[in-house]
Amino acid sequence: MGESPAATGTASPETTRTYEEREGQLVTPARRWAADGRRRQSGGPGARRFAATMALLVVGLLGGCATPPTDPDALAAFKEANDPMEPMNRYFFEVNTAADELLFKPLAGWYYVALPNFAQDGIRNALRNLRTPVVLANDLFQGNTDRAGDTFGRFLVNSTLGVGGLFDIAARMGMPYHDEDFGQTLAVAGVGEGPYLMLPLFGPSNPRDLAGTVVDTFLDPLTYVGIFTNVKNIGLATTGLGLLDDRARNLKTLDQIRKGSLDYYATIRSLYRQRRQDEINNGAAPAGNAALEDSQTSALPAPPSVSFLAIKEPIETAPTADVR
């Protein structure tokens, strides 16, 4: 009693099966195959862990979204801020600020103290000269041949008379520096900015500018230097040096903004969006806005660049109240 047909030798070759005891049941290979198939359909442990991780990410993103207010005035301010993911953005802003206080701000302070002003200016000029291909490409993409001519002329003059870009001789000859990127090119083409984003360690941005940064990386010849030569990480090194120089130039300015702001996060957000719009307009007042025709929009604070608190140009004046 209890012996399987295969053990007694009474089963025919066609029906002979291997039996195993599992919780009081006899499991045939066919049943085992069916059970394995159900496990394959469920994706296995790895797939289940991946699905669980994605679910947590979705929940986190949904939890990081701000709920639109019902009050008309508050709703108008909510739309003006263009920050539907404000809770999550504020969290990353605090992370970035802590990282700046612990690491980047001290490094920038040492850089500022160790190097004289003329050396810092030479570094900035050289980095700007290296960025010429990106600026020139976006000048042409936007159909702005006059600015493209200035960019090309600056490169020729500063690369030769300026000793590889260390000295900005072109600015003295009436060709001042201007910056362009693919995010601005997309804006000129009519692409909307999308919601405001505070990226971990990369700072203020939006989907349009984030996509533009990716394209600019491919437009930059330094990206390919490490691929075709033995010089590795040159693009990363120049980016890091540029961010360090930017941060050092704004040590006091950012401290003033922080002390004078009722809401530091909201102030940085407002300054970023204002300056970004100023760059898109090439420093000109928006068409049809008479109130801004005589204002100096170029004096607005420059937006934090790749680094979350690095600013491309020193800020001349700091706001004394929250700007939402």
C-alpha atoms as a PDB file:
ATOM      1  CA  MET A   1       0.000   0.000   0.000  1.00  0.00           C
ATOM      2  CA  GLY A   2       1.164   3.498  -0.776  1.00  0.00           C
ATOM      3  CA  GLU A   3       3.717   2.397  -3.413  1.00  0.00           C
ATOM      4  CA  SER A   4       3.676   4.215  -6.722  1.00  0.00           C
ATOM      5  CA  PRO A   5       2.931   2.263  -9.945  1.00  0.00           C
ATOM      6  CA  ALA A   6       6.459   3.027 -11.103  1.00  0.00           C
ATOM      7  CA  ALA A   7       7.870   1.399  -7.975  1.00  0.00           C
ATOM      8  CA  THR A   8       5.790  -1.790  -8.417  1.00  0.00           C
ATOM      9  CA  GLY A   9       6.547  -2.038 -12.111  1.00  0.00           C
ATOM     10  CA  THR A  10       2.860  -2.391 -13.014  1.00  0.00           C
ATOM     11  CA  ALA A  11       2.578   0.805 -15.085  1.00  0.00           C
ATOM     12  CA  SER A  12       3.066   0.729 -18.832  1.00  0.00           C
ATOM     13  CA  PRO A  13       6.016   2.619 -20.415  1.00  0.00           C
ATOM     14  CA  GLU A  14       3.618   5.290 -21.722  1.00  0.00           C
ATOM     15  CA  THR A  15       2.246   6.036 -18.271  1.00  0.00           C
ATOM     16  CA  THR A  16       5.411   5.534 -16.212  1.00  0.00           C
ATOM     17  CA  ARG A  17       6.124   8.708 -14.179  1.00  0.00           C
ATOM     18  CA  THR A  18       8.459   9.663 -11.379  1.00  0.00           C
ATOM     19  CA  TYR A  19       6.593  10.437  -8.181  1.00  0.00           C
ATOM     20  CA  GLU A  20       7.779  12.463  -5.245  1.00  0.00           C
ATOM     21  CA  GLU A  21       6.149  12.980  -1.911  1.00  0.00           C
ATOM     22  CA  ARG A  22       5.232  16.584  -1.109  1.00  0.00           C
ATOM     23  CA  GLU A  23       2.845  17.377   1.730  1.00  0.00           C
ATOM     24  CA  GLY A  24       1.136  14.049   1.350  1.00  0.00           C
ATOM     25  CA  GLN A  25       0.586  14.402  -2.410  1.00  0.00           C
ATOM     26  CA  LEU A  26       2.182  12.667  -5.353  1.00  0.00           C
ATOM     27  CA  VAL A  27       3.606  15.215  -7.818  1.00  0.00           C
ATOM     28  CA  THR A  28       4.229  14.145 -11.386  1.00  0.00           C
ATOM     29  CA  PRO A  29       6.658  15.911 -13.761  1.00  0.00           C
ATOM     30  CA  ALA A  30       3.653  17.313 -15.607  1.00  0.00           C
ATOM     31  CA  ARG A  31       2.321  18.903 -12.434  1.00  0.00           C
ATOM     32  CA  ARG A  32       5.764  20.228 -11.588  1.00  0.00           C
ATOM     33  CA  TRP A  33       6.067  21.776 -15.074  1.00  0.00           C
ATOM     34  CA  ALA A  34       2.680  23.445 -14.661  1.00  0.00           C
ATOM     35  CA  ALA A  35       3.696  24.890 -11.290  1.00  0.00           C
ATOM     36  CA  ASP A  36       6.963  26.166 -12.765  1.00  0.00           C
ATOM     37  CA  GLY A  37       4.994  27.780 -15.575  1.00  0.00           C
ATOM     38  CA  ARG A  38       2.847  29.641 -13.066  1.00  0.00           C
ATOM     39  CA  ARG A  39       5.989  30.871 -11.340  1.00  0.00           C
ATOM     40  CA  ARG A  40       7.438  31.999 -14.687  1.00  0.00           C
ATOM     41  CA  GLN A  41       4.264  33.912 -15.440  1.00  0.00           C
ATOM     42  CA  SER A  42       4.488  35.675 -12.098  1.00  0.00           C
ATOM     43  CA  GLY A  43       7.970  36.871 -13.100  1.00  0.00           C
ATOM     44  CA  GLY A  44      10.041  35.188 -10.437  1.00  0.00           C
ATOM     45  CA  PRO A  45      11.609  36.819  -7.381  1.00  0.00           C
ATOM     46  CA  GLY A  46      13.715  39.281  -9.431  1.00  0.00           C
ATOM     47  CA  ALA A  47      10.758  40.557 -11.416  1.00  0.00           C
ATOM     48  CA  ARG A  48       8.647  40.833  -8.277  1.00  0.00           C
ATOM     49  CA  ARG A  49      11.349  42.885  -6.568  1.00  0.00           C
ATOM     50  CA  PHE A  50      11.614  45.142  -9.631  1.00  0.00           C
ATOM     51  CA  ALA A  51       7.843  45.622  -9.699  1.00  0.00           C
ATOM     52  CA  ALA A  52       7.830  46.427  -5.994  1.00  0.00           C
ATOM     53  CA  THR A  53      10.620  48.973  -6.465  1.00  0.00           C
ATOM     54  CA  MET A  54       8.805  50.669  -9.335  1.00  0.00           C
ATOM     55  CA  ALA A  55       5.628  50.767  -7.272  1.00  0.00           C
ATOM     56  CA  LEU A  56       7.491  52.486  -4.439  1.00  0.00           C
ATOM     57  CA  LEU A  57       8.942  55.023  -6.884  1.00  0.00           C
ATOM     58  CA  VAL A  58       5.503  55.794  -8.275  1.00  0.00           C
ATOM     59  CA  VAL A  59       4.093  56.184  -4.791  1.00  0.00           C
ATOM     60  CA  GLY A  60       7.021  58.460  -3.890  1.00  0.00           C
ATOM     61  CA  LEU A  61       6.459  60.648  -6.935  1.00  0.00           C
ATOM     62  CA  LEU A  62       2.747  60.858  -6.261  1.00  0.00           C
ATOM     63  CA  GLY A  63       3.442  61.670  -2.647  1.00  0.00           C
ATOM     64  CA  GLY A  64       5.829  64.414  -3.752  1.00  0.00           C
ATOM     65  CA  CYS A  65       3.165  66.207  -5.774  1.00  0.00           C
ATOM     66  CA  ALA A  66       1.477  69.218  -4.269  1.00  0.00           C
ATOM     67  CA  THR A  67      -2.322  69.322  -4.175  1.00  0.00           C
ATOM     68  CA  PRO A  68      -3.697  72.372  -6.024  1.00  0.00           C
ATOM     69  CA  PRO A  69      -5.503  74.727  -3.617  1.00  0.00           C
ATOM     70  CA  THR A  70      -9.170  75.550  -4.017  1.00  0.00           C
ATOM     71  CA  ASP A  71      -8.925  79.243  -3.135  1.00  0.00           C
ATOM     72  CA  PRO A  72      -8.802  81.275  -6.397  1.00  0.00           C
ATOM     73  CA  ASP A  73      -5.925  83.512  -5.288  1.00  0.00           C
ATOM     74  CA  ALA A  74      -3.927  80.596  -3.934  1.00  0.00           C
ATOM     75  CA  LEU A  75      -4.622  78.623  -7.098  1.00  0.00           C
ATOM     76  CA  ALA A  76      -3.334  81.484  -9.244  1.00  0.00           C
ATOM     77  CA  ALA A  77      -0.131  81.622  -7.169  1.00  0.00           C
ATOM     78  CA  PHE A  78       0.190  77.836  -7.449  1.00  0.00           C
ATOM     79  CA  LYS A  79       0.000  78.004 -11.236  1.00  0.00           C
ATOM     80  CA  GLU A  80       2.401  80.941 -11.366  1.00  0.00           C
ATOM     81  CA  ALA A  81       5.005  79.021  -9.360  1.00  0.00           C
ATOM     82  CA  ASN A  82       4.713  76.122 -11.844  1.00  0.00           C
ATOM     83  CA  ASP A  83       5.912  73.755  -9.133  1.00  0.00           C
ATOM     84  CA  PRO A  84       3.446  70.835  -8.879  1.00  0.00           C
ATOM     85  CA  MET A  85       6.120  68.631  -7.278  1.00  0.00           C
ATOM     86  CA  GLU A  86       7.053  71.178  -4.637  1.00  0.00           C
ATOM     87  CA  PRO A  87       7.212  68.780  -1.640  1.00  0.00           C
ATOM     88  CA  MET A  88       9.686  66.524  -3.430  1.00  0.00           C
ATOM     89  CA  ASN A  89      11.605  69.505  -4.842  1.00  0.00           C
ATOM     90  CA  ARG A  90      11.921  71.047  -1.393  1.00  0.00           C
ATOM     91  CA  TYR A  91      13.298  67.791  -0.037  1.00  0.00           C
ATOM     92  CA  PHE A  92      16.014  67.662  -2.702  1.00  0.00           C
ATOM     93  CA  PHE A  93      16.707  71.361  -2.167  1.00  0.00           C
ATOM     94  CA  GLU A  94      17.443  70.673   1.492  1.00  0.00           C
ATOM     95  CA  VAL A  95      19.704  67.758   0.506  1.00  0.00           C
ATOM     96  CA  ASN A  96      21.541  69.954  -1.972  1.00  0.00           C
ATOM     97  CA  THR A  97      21.908  72.790   0.521  1.00  0.00           C
ATOM     98  CA  ALA A  98      23.333  70.426   3.127  1.00  0.00           C
ATOM     99  CA  ALA A  99      25.821  69.031   0.606  1.00  0.00           C
ATOM    100  CA  ASP A 100      26.815  72.569  -0.326  1.00  0.00           C
ATOM    101  CA  GLU A 101      27.423  73.568   3.283  1.00  0.00           C
ATOM    102  CA  LEU A 102      29.439  70.438   4.024  1.00  0.00           C
ATOM    103  CA  LEU A 103      31.502  70.138   0.845  1.00  0.00           C
ATOM    104  CA  PHE A 104      31.111  72.576  -2.019  1.00  0.00           C
ATOM    105  CA  LYS A 105      31.046  75.834  -0.090  1.00  0.00           C
ATOM    106  CA  PRO A 106      34.277  75.045   1.833  1.00  0.00           C
ATOM    107  CA  LEU A 107      35.994  73.986  -1.405  1.00  0.00           C
ATOM    108  CA  ALA A 108      34.873  77.189  -3.092  1.00  0.00           C
ATOM    109  CA  GLY A 109      36.153  79.204  -0.139  1.00  0.00           C
ATOM    110  CA  TRP A 110      39.597  77.617  -0.386  1.00  0.00           C
ATOM    111  CA  TYR A 111      39.618  78.204  -4.146  1.00  0.00           C
ATOM    112  CA  TYR A 112      38.682  81.857  -3.656  1.00  0.00           C
ATOM    113  CA  VAL A 113      41.387  82.422  -1.046  1.00  0.00           C
ATOM    114  CA  ALA A 114      44.147  80.421  -2.740  1.00  0.00           C
ATOM    115  CA  LEU A 115      43.908  81.939  -6.220  1.00  0.00           C
ATOM    116  CA  PRO A 116      44.279  85.652  -6.991  1.00  0.00           C
ATOM    117  CA  ASN A 117      41.555  87.352  -8.984  1.00  0.00           C
ATOM    118  CA  PHE A 118      43.505  87.385 -12.250  1.00  0.00           C
ATOM    119  CA  ALA A 119      44.006  83.616 -12.020  1.00  0.00           C
ATOM    120  CA  GLN A 120      40.305  83.043 -11.405  1.00  0.00           C
ATOM    121  CA  ASP A 121      39.467  85.297 -14.368  1.00  0.00           C
ATOM    122  CA  GLY A 122      41.885  83.345 -16.549  1.00  0.00           C
ATOM    123  CA  ILE A 123      40.230  80.059 -15.594  1.00  0.00           C
ATOM    124  CA  ARG A 124      36.775  81.403 -16.372  1.00  0.00           C
ATOM    125  CA  ASN A 125      37.914  82.858 -19.700  1.00  0.00           C
ATOM    126  CA  ALA A 126      39.557  79.592 -20.736  1.00  0.00           C
ATOM    127  CA  LEU A 127      36.481  77.559 -19.800  1.00  0.00           C
ATOM    128  CA  ARG A 128      34.269  79.927 -21.782  1.00  0.00           C
ATOM    129  CA  ASN A 129      36.559  79.571 -24.754  1.00  0.00           C
ATOM    130  CA  LEU A 130      36.330  75.781 -24.564  1.00  0.00           C
ATOM    131  CA  ARG A 131      32.530  76.053 -24.571  1.00  0.00           C
ATOM    132  CA  THR A 132      32.517  77.962 -27.873  1.00  0.00           C
ATOM    133  CA  PRO A 133      31.374  74.995 -30.050  1.00  0.00           C
ATOM    134  CA  VAL A 134      28.225  74.540 -27.933  1.00  0.00           C
ATOM    135  CA  VAL A 135      27.412  78.261 -27.971  1.00  0.00           C
ATOM    136  CA  LEU A 136      28.100  78.558 -31.704  1.00  0.00           C
ATOM    137  CA  ALA A 137      25.938  75.555 -32.567  1.00  0.00           C
ATOM    138  CA  ASN A 138      22.985  76.944 -30.618  1.00  0.00           C
ATOM    139  CA  ASP A 139      23.442  80.404 -32.126  1.00  0.00           C
ATOM    140  CA  LEU A 140      23.094  78.792 -35.550  1.00  0.00           C
ATOM    141  CA  PHE A 141      20.195  76.565 -34.470  1.00  0.00           C
ATOM    142  CA  GLN A 142      18.326  79.706 -33.426  1.00  0.00           C
ATOM    143  CA  GLY A 143      19.114  81.406 -36.732  1.00  0.00           C
ATOM    144  CA  ASN A 144      21.002  84.209 -35.013  1.00  0.00           C
ATOM    145  CA  THR A 145      23.870  84.743 -37.432  1.00  0.00           C
ATOM    146  CA  ASP A 146      25.044  88.007 -35.833  1.00  0.00           C
ATOM    147  CA  ARG A 147      25.597  86.378 -32.462  1.00  0.00           C
ATOM    148  CA  ALA A 148      27.126  83.348 -34.179  1.00  0.00           C
ATOM    149  CA  GLY A 149      29.605  85.675 -35.875  1.00  0.00           C
ATOM    150  CA  ASP A 150      30.510  87.207 -32.517  1.00  0.00           C
ATOM    151  CA  THR A 151      30.980  83.770 -31.010  1.00  0.00           C
ATOM    152  CA  PHE A 152      33.255  82.619 -33.819  1.00  0.00           C
ATOM    153  CA  GLY A 153      35.176  85.892 -33.771  1.00  0.00           C
ATOM    154  CA  ARG A 154      35.674  85.639 -30.018  1.00  0.00           C
ATOM    155  CA  PHE A 155      37.069  82.140 -30.406  1.00  0.00           C
ATOM    156  CA  LEU A 156      39.589  83.201 -33.052  1.00  0.00           C
ATOM    157  CA  VAL A 157      40.765  86.272 -31.158  1.00  0.00           C
ATOM    158  CA  ASN A 158      40.912  84.755 -27.692  1.00  0.00           C
ATOM    159  CA  SER A 159      42.492  81.508 -28.861  1.00  0.00           C
ATOM    160  CA  THR A 160      45.347  83.450 -30.447  1.00  0.00           C
ATOM    161  CA  LEU A 161      45.815  86.896 -28.942  1.00  0.00           C
ATOM    162  CA  GLY A 162      44.225  85.722 -25.709  1.00  0.00           C
ATOM    163  CA  VAL A 163      46.736  82.879 -25.249  1.00  0.00           C
ATOM    164  CA  GLY A 164      44.345  79.962 -25.542  1.00  0.00           C
ATOM    165  CA  GLY A 165      41.459  81.893 -24.051  1.00  0.00           C
ATOM    166  CA  LEU A 166      43.145  82.914 -20.803  1.00  0.00           C
ATOM    167  CA  PHE A 167      42.563  86.584 -21.643  1.00  0.00           C
ATOM    168  CA  ASP A 168      39.278  87.959 -23.007  1.00  0.00           C
ATOM    169  CA  ILE A 169      40.752  90.231 -25.648  1.00  0.00           C
ATOM    170  CA  ALA A 170      37.607  89.948 -27.796  1.00  0.00           C
ATOM    171  CA  ALA A 171      35.485  91.708 -25.163  1.00  0.00           C
ATOM    172  CA  ARG A 172      37.794  94.733 -25.402  1.00  0.00           C
ATOM    173  CA  MET A 173      37.266  94.688 -29.160  1.00  0.00           C
ATOM    174  CA  GLY A 174      33.495  94.961 -28.873  1.00  0.00           C
ATOM    175  CA  MET A 175      32.585  91.279 -28.833  1.00  0.00           C
ATOM    176  CA  PRO A 176      31.260  90.582 -25.316  1.00  0.00           C
ATOM    177  CA  TYR A 177      30.632  87.040 -24.154  1.00  0.00           C
ATOM    178  CA  HIS A 178      27.140  85.555 -24.350  1.00  0.00           C
ATOM    179  CA  ASP A 179      25.974  82.084 -23.451  1.00  0.00           C
ATOM    180  CA  GLU A 180      23.594  79.825 -25.353  1.00  0.00           C
ATOM    181  CA  ASP A 181      22.429  76.273 -24.784  1.00  0.00           C
ATOM    182  CA  PHE A 182      19.997  73.848 -26.344  1.00  0.00           C
ATOM    183  CA  GLY A 183      17.425  74.535 -23.643  1.00  0.00           C
ATOM    184  CA  GLN A 184      17.242  78.109 -24.932  1.00  0.00           C
ATOM    185  CA  THR A 185      17.082  76.792 -28.484  1.00  0.00           C
ATOM    186  CA  LEU A 186      14.070  74.655 -27.596  1.00  0.00           C
ATOM    187  CA  ALA A 187      12.426  77.664 -25.940  1.00  0.00           C
ATOM    188  CA  VAL A 188      12.965  79.789 -29.062  1.00  0.00           C
ATOM    189  CA  ALA A 189      11.356  76.977 -31.069  1.00  0.00           C
ATOM    190  CA  GLY A 190       8.275  77.212 -28.847  1.00  0.00           C
ATOM    191  CA  VAL A 191       8.813  74.231 -26.562  1.00  0.00           C
ATOM    192  CA  GLY A 192       7.306  74.793 -23.114  1.00  0.00           C
ATOM    193  CA  GLU A 193       9.472  74.603 -20.028  1.00  0.00           C
ATOM    194  CA  GLY A 194       7.357  72.050 -18.181  1.00  0.00           C
ATOM    195  CA  PRO A 195       7.176  71.865 -14.390  1.00  0.00           C
ATOM    196  CA  TYR A 196       9.913  73.238 -12.188  1.00  0.00           C
ATOM    197  CA  LEU A 197      12.395  70.610 -11.005  1.00  0.00           C
ATOM    198  CA  MET A 198      14.978  70.558  -8.246  1.00  0.00           C
ATOM    199  CA  LEU A 199      17.421  67.854  -9.274  1.00  0.00           C
ATOM    200  CA  PRO A 200      19.631  66.116  -6.700  1.00  0.00           C
ATOM    201  CA  LEU A 201      23.111  67.696  -6.896  1.00  0.00           C
ATOM    202  CA  PHE A 202      22.199  69.398 -10.193  1.00  0.00           C
ATOM    203  CA  GLY A 203      19.868  72.049  -8.857  1.00  0.00           C
ATOM    204  CA  PRO A 204      17.048  74.052 -10.485  1.00  0.00           C
ATOM    205  CA  SER A 205      15.880  72.887 -13.880  1.00  0.00           C
ATOM    206  CA  ASN A 206      12.858  71.808 -15.882  1.00  0.00           C
ATOM    207  CA  PRO A 207      12.242  69.058 -18.452  1.00  0.00           C
ATOM    208  CA  ARG A 208      13.132  71.345 -21.370  1.00  0.00           C
ATOM    209  CA  ASP A 209      16.450  72.472 -19.875  1.00  0.00           C
ATOM    210  CA  LEU A 210      17.247  68.953 -18.721  1.00  0.00           C
ATOM    211  CA  ALA A 211      16.833  67.669 -22.268  1.00  0.00           C
ATOM    212  CA  GLY A 212      18.900  70.595 -23.508  1.00  0.00           C
ATOM    213  CA  THR A 213      21.741  69.695 -21.158  1.00  0.00           C
ATOM    214  CA  VAL A 214      21.842  66.196 -22.618  1.00  0.00           C
ATOM    215  CA  VAL A 215      22.004  67.538 -26.190  1.00  0.00           C
ATOM    216  CA  ASP A 216      24.708  70.051 -25.251  1.00  0.00           C
ATOM    217  CA  THR A 217      26.783  67.190 -23.884  1.00  0.00           C
ATOM    218  CA  PHE A 218      26.772  65.586 -27.320  1.00  0.00           C
ATOM    219  CA  LEU A 219      27.544  68.932 -28.978  1.00  0.00           C
ATOM    220  CA  ASP A 220      30.605  69.468 -26.792  1.00  0.00           C
ATOM    221  CA  PRO A 221      33.815  68.180 -28.454  1.00  0.00           C
ATOM    222  CA  LEU A 222      35.315  67.528 -25.027  1.00  0.00           C
ATOM    223  CA  THR A 223      32.800  64.711 -24.646  1.00  0.00           C
ATOM    224  CA  TYR A 224      34.605  62.776 -27.349  1.00  0.00           C
ATOM    225  CA  VAL A 225      38.172  63.577 -26.334  1.00  0.00           C
ATOM    226  CA  GLY A 226      38.244  60.771 -23.808  1.00  0.00           C
ATOM    227  CA  ILE A 227      36.772  58.362 -26.353  1.00  0.00           C
ATOM    228  CA  PHE A 228      39.353  58.882 -29.101  1.00  0.00           C
ATOM    229  CA  THR A 229      42.402  59.827 -27.030  1.00  0.00           C
ATOM    230  CA  ASN A 230      44.076  58.733 -23.832  1.00  0.00           C
ATOM    231  CA  VAL A 231      42.884  61.864 -22.004  1.00  0.00           C
ATOM    232  CA  LYS A 232      40.156  60.604 -19.717  1.00  0.00           C
ATOM    233  CA  ASN A 233      37.508  62.556 -17.795  1.00  0.00           C
ATOM    234  CA  ILE A 234      38.539  65.895 -19.306  1.00  0.00           C
ATOM    235  CA  GLY A 235      34.916  66.900 -19.758  1.00  0.00           C
ATOM    236  CA  LEU A 236      34.137  66.032 -16.150  1.00  0.00           C
ATOM    237  CA  ALA A 237      37.211  67.918 -14.966  1.00  0.00           C
ATOM    238  CA  THR A 238      36.353  71.103 -16.866  1.00  0.00           C
ATOM    239  CA  THR A 239      32.749  70.950 -15.681  1.00  0.00           C
ATOM    240  CA  GLY A 240      33.825  70.520 -12.085  1.00  0.00           C
ATOM    241  CA  LEU A 241      36.327  73.363 -12.329  1.00  0.00           C
ATOM    242  CA  GLY A 242      33.694  75.622 -13.850  1.00  0.00           C
ATOM    243  CA  LEU A 243      31.224  74.843 -11.075  1.00  0.00           C
ATOM    244  CA  LEU A 244      33.868  75.487  -8.444  1.00  0.00           C
ATOM    245  CA  ASP A 245      34.703  78.845 -10.020  1.00  0.00           C
ATOM    246  CA  ASP A 246      31.015  79.779 -10.249  1.00  0.00           C
ATOM    247  CA  ARG A 247      30.413  78.893  -6.611  1.00  0.00           C
ATOM    248  CA  ALA A 248      33.464  80.820  -5.441  1.00  0.00           C
ATOM    249  CA  ARG A 249      32.296  83.964  -7.229  1.00  0.00           C
ATOM    250  CA  ASN A 250      28.982  83.888  -5.380  1.00  0.00           C
ATOM    251  CA  LEU A 251      29.938  83.010  -1.820  1.00  0.00           C
ATOM    252  CA  LYS A 252      28.761  86.315  -0.337  1.00  0.00           C
ATOM    253  CA  THR A 253      25.904  86.784  -2.771  1.00  0.00           C
ATOM    254  CA  LEU A 254      24.169  83.530  -1.945  1.00  0.00           C
ATOM    255  CA  ASP A 255      24.636  84.162   1.761  1.00  0.00           C
ATOM    256  CA  GLN A 256      22.927  87.532   1.305  1.00  0.00           C
ATOM    257  CA  ILE A 257      20.054  85.942  -0.599  1.00  0.00           C
ATOM    258  CA  ARG A 258      19.605  83.319   2.076  1.00  0.00           C
ATOM    259  CA  LYS A 259      19.607  85.842   4.909  1.00  0.00           C
ATOM    260  CA  GLY A 260      17.251  88.207   3.109  1.00  0.00           C
ATOM    261  CA  SER A 261      14.705  85.605   1.990  1.00  0.00           C
ATOM    262  CA  LEU A 262      11.621  84.635   3.900  1.00  0.00           C
ATOM    263  CA  ASP A 263      11.603  81.424   1.877  1.00  0.00           C
ATOM    264  CA  TYR A 264      15.034  80.558   0.453  1.00  0.00           C
ATOM    265  CA  TYR A 265      13.674  77.770  -1.746  1.00  0.00           C
ATOM    266  CA  ALA A 266      10.982  79.980  -3.302  1.00  0.00           C
ATOM    267  CA  THR A 267      13.469  82.798  -3.864  1.00  0.00           C
ATOM    268  CA  ILE A 268      15.924  80.556  -5.696  1.00  0.00           C
ATOM    269  CA  ARG A 269      13.057  79.168  -7.776  1.00  0.00           C
ATOM    270  CA  SER A 270      11.876  82.635  -8.738  1.00  0.00           C
ATOM    271  CA  LEU A 271      15.378  83.906  -9.535  1.00  0.00           C
ATOM    272  CA  TYR A 272      16.108  80.848 -11.645  1.00  0.00           C
ATOM    273  CA  ARG A 273      12.964  81.253 -13.741  1.00  0.00           C
ATOM    274  CA  GLN A 274      13.410  85.022 -14.159  1.00  0.00           C
ATOM    275  CA  ARG A 275      17.017  84.765 -15.231  1.00  0.00           C
ATOM    276  CA  ARG A 276      16.290  81.812 -17.483  1.00  0.00           C
ATOM    277  CA  GLN A 277      13.615  83.831 -19.290  1.00  0.00           C
ATOM    278  CA  ASP A 278      16.058  86.729 -19.571  1.00  0.00           C
ATOM    279  CA  GLU A 279      18.610  84.438 -21.229  1.00  0.00           C
ATOM    280  CA  ILE A 280      16.012  83.138 -23.677  1.00  0.00           C
ATOM    281  CA  ASN A 281      15.124  86.732 -24.595  1.00  0.00           C
ATOM    282  CA  ASN A 282      18.859  87.559 -24.941  1.00  0.00           C
ATOM    283  CA  GLY A 283      18.489  90.282 -22.327  1.00  0.00           C
ATOM    284  CA  ALA A 284      15.659  92.066 -24.134  1.00  0.00           C
ATOM    285  CA  ALA A 285      12.322  92.912 -22.525  1.00  0.00           C
ATOM    286  CA  PRO A 286       9.439  90.640 -23.564  1.00  0.00           C
ATOM    287  CA  ALA A 287       7.527  91.981 -26.561  1.00  0.00           C
ATOM    288  CA  GLY A 288       4.533  94.069 -25.608  1.00  0.00           C
ATOM    289  CA  ASN A 289       5.654  94.549 -21.988  1.00  0.00           C
ATOM    290  CA  ALA A 290       6.201  98.298 -21.725  1.00  0.00           C
ATOM    291  CA  ALA A 291       6.916  98.094 -18.006  1.00  0.00           C
ATOM    292  CA  LEU A 292      10.132  96.212 -18.674  1.00  0.00           C
ATOM    293  CA  GLU A 293      11.372  98.151 -21.664  1.00  0.00           C
ATOM    294  CA  ASP A 294      13.565 100.445 -19.568  1.00  0.00           C
ATOM    295  CA  SER A 295      14.539  97.871 -16.952  1.00  0.00           C
ATOM    296  CA  GLN A 296      17.935  96.233 -16.860  1.00  0.00           C
ATOM    297  CA  THR A 297      16.913  92.612 -17.182  1.00  0.00           C
ATOM    298  CA  SER A 298      20.511  91.566 -17.666  1.00  0.00           C
ATOM    299  CA  ALA A 299      21.135  92.462 -14.016  1.00  0.00           C
ATOM    300  CA  LEU A 300      18.881  89.632 -12.861  1.00  0.00           C
ATOM    301  CA  PRO A 301      20.688  86.835 -11.053  1.00  0.00           C
ATOM    302  CA  ALA A 302      21.959  84.130 -13.311  1.00  0.00           C
ATOM    303  CA  PRO A 303      20.354  80.728 -12.892  1.00  0.00           C
ATOM    304  CA  PRO A 304      22.220  78.066 -10.992  1.00  0.00           C
ATOM    305  CA  SER A 305      23.927  75.953 -13.604  1.00  0.00           C
ATOM    306  CA  VAL A 306      24.748  72.277 -13.379  1.00  0.00           C
ATOM    307  CA  SER A 307      25.613  72.645  -9.721  1.00  0.00           C
ATOM    308  CA  PHE A 308      22.650  73.322  -7.492  1.00  0.00           C
ATOM    309  CA  LEU A 309      24.050  76.558  -6.060  1.00  0.00           C
ATOM    310  CA  ALA A 310      26.632  77.581  -8.632  1.00  0.00           C
ATOM    311  CA  ILE A 311      25.709  80.773 -10.457  1.00  0.00           C
ATOM    312  CA  LYS A 312      27.181  81.731 -13.804  1.00  0.00           C
ATOM    313  CA  GLU A 313      27.566  85.430 -13.071  1.00  0.00           C
ATOM    314  CA  PRO A 314      27.889  87.385  -9.821  1.00  0.00           C
ATOM    315  CA  ILE A 315      24.577  88.829  -8.659  1.00  0.00           C
ATOM    316  CA  GLU A 316      24.624  92.579  -8.335  1.00  0.00           C
ATOM    317  CA  THR A 317      21.656  92.906  -6.013  1.00  0.00           C
ATOM    318  CA  ALA A 318      19.984  90.423  -3.698  1.00  0.00           C
ATOM    319  CA  PRO A 319      16.268  90.269  -2.960  1.00  0.00           C
ATOM    320  CA  THR A 320      15.215  91.084   0.573  1.00  0.00           C
ATOM    321  CA  ALA A 321      11.921  89.196   0.582  1.00  0.00           C
ATOM    322  CA  ASP A 322      10.433  86.002  -0.689  1.00  0.00           C
ATOM    323  CA  VAL A 323       9.636  85.998  -4.378  1.00  0.00           C
ATOM    324  CA  ARG A 324       6.985  83.491  -5.387  1.00  0.00           C
END
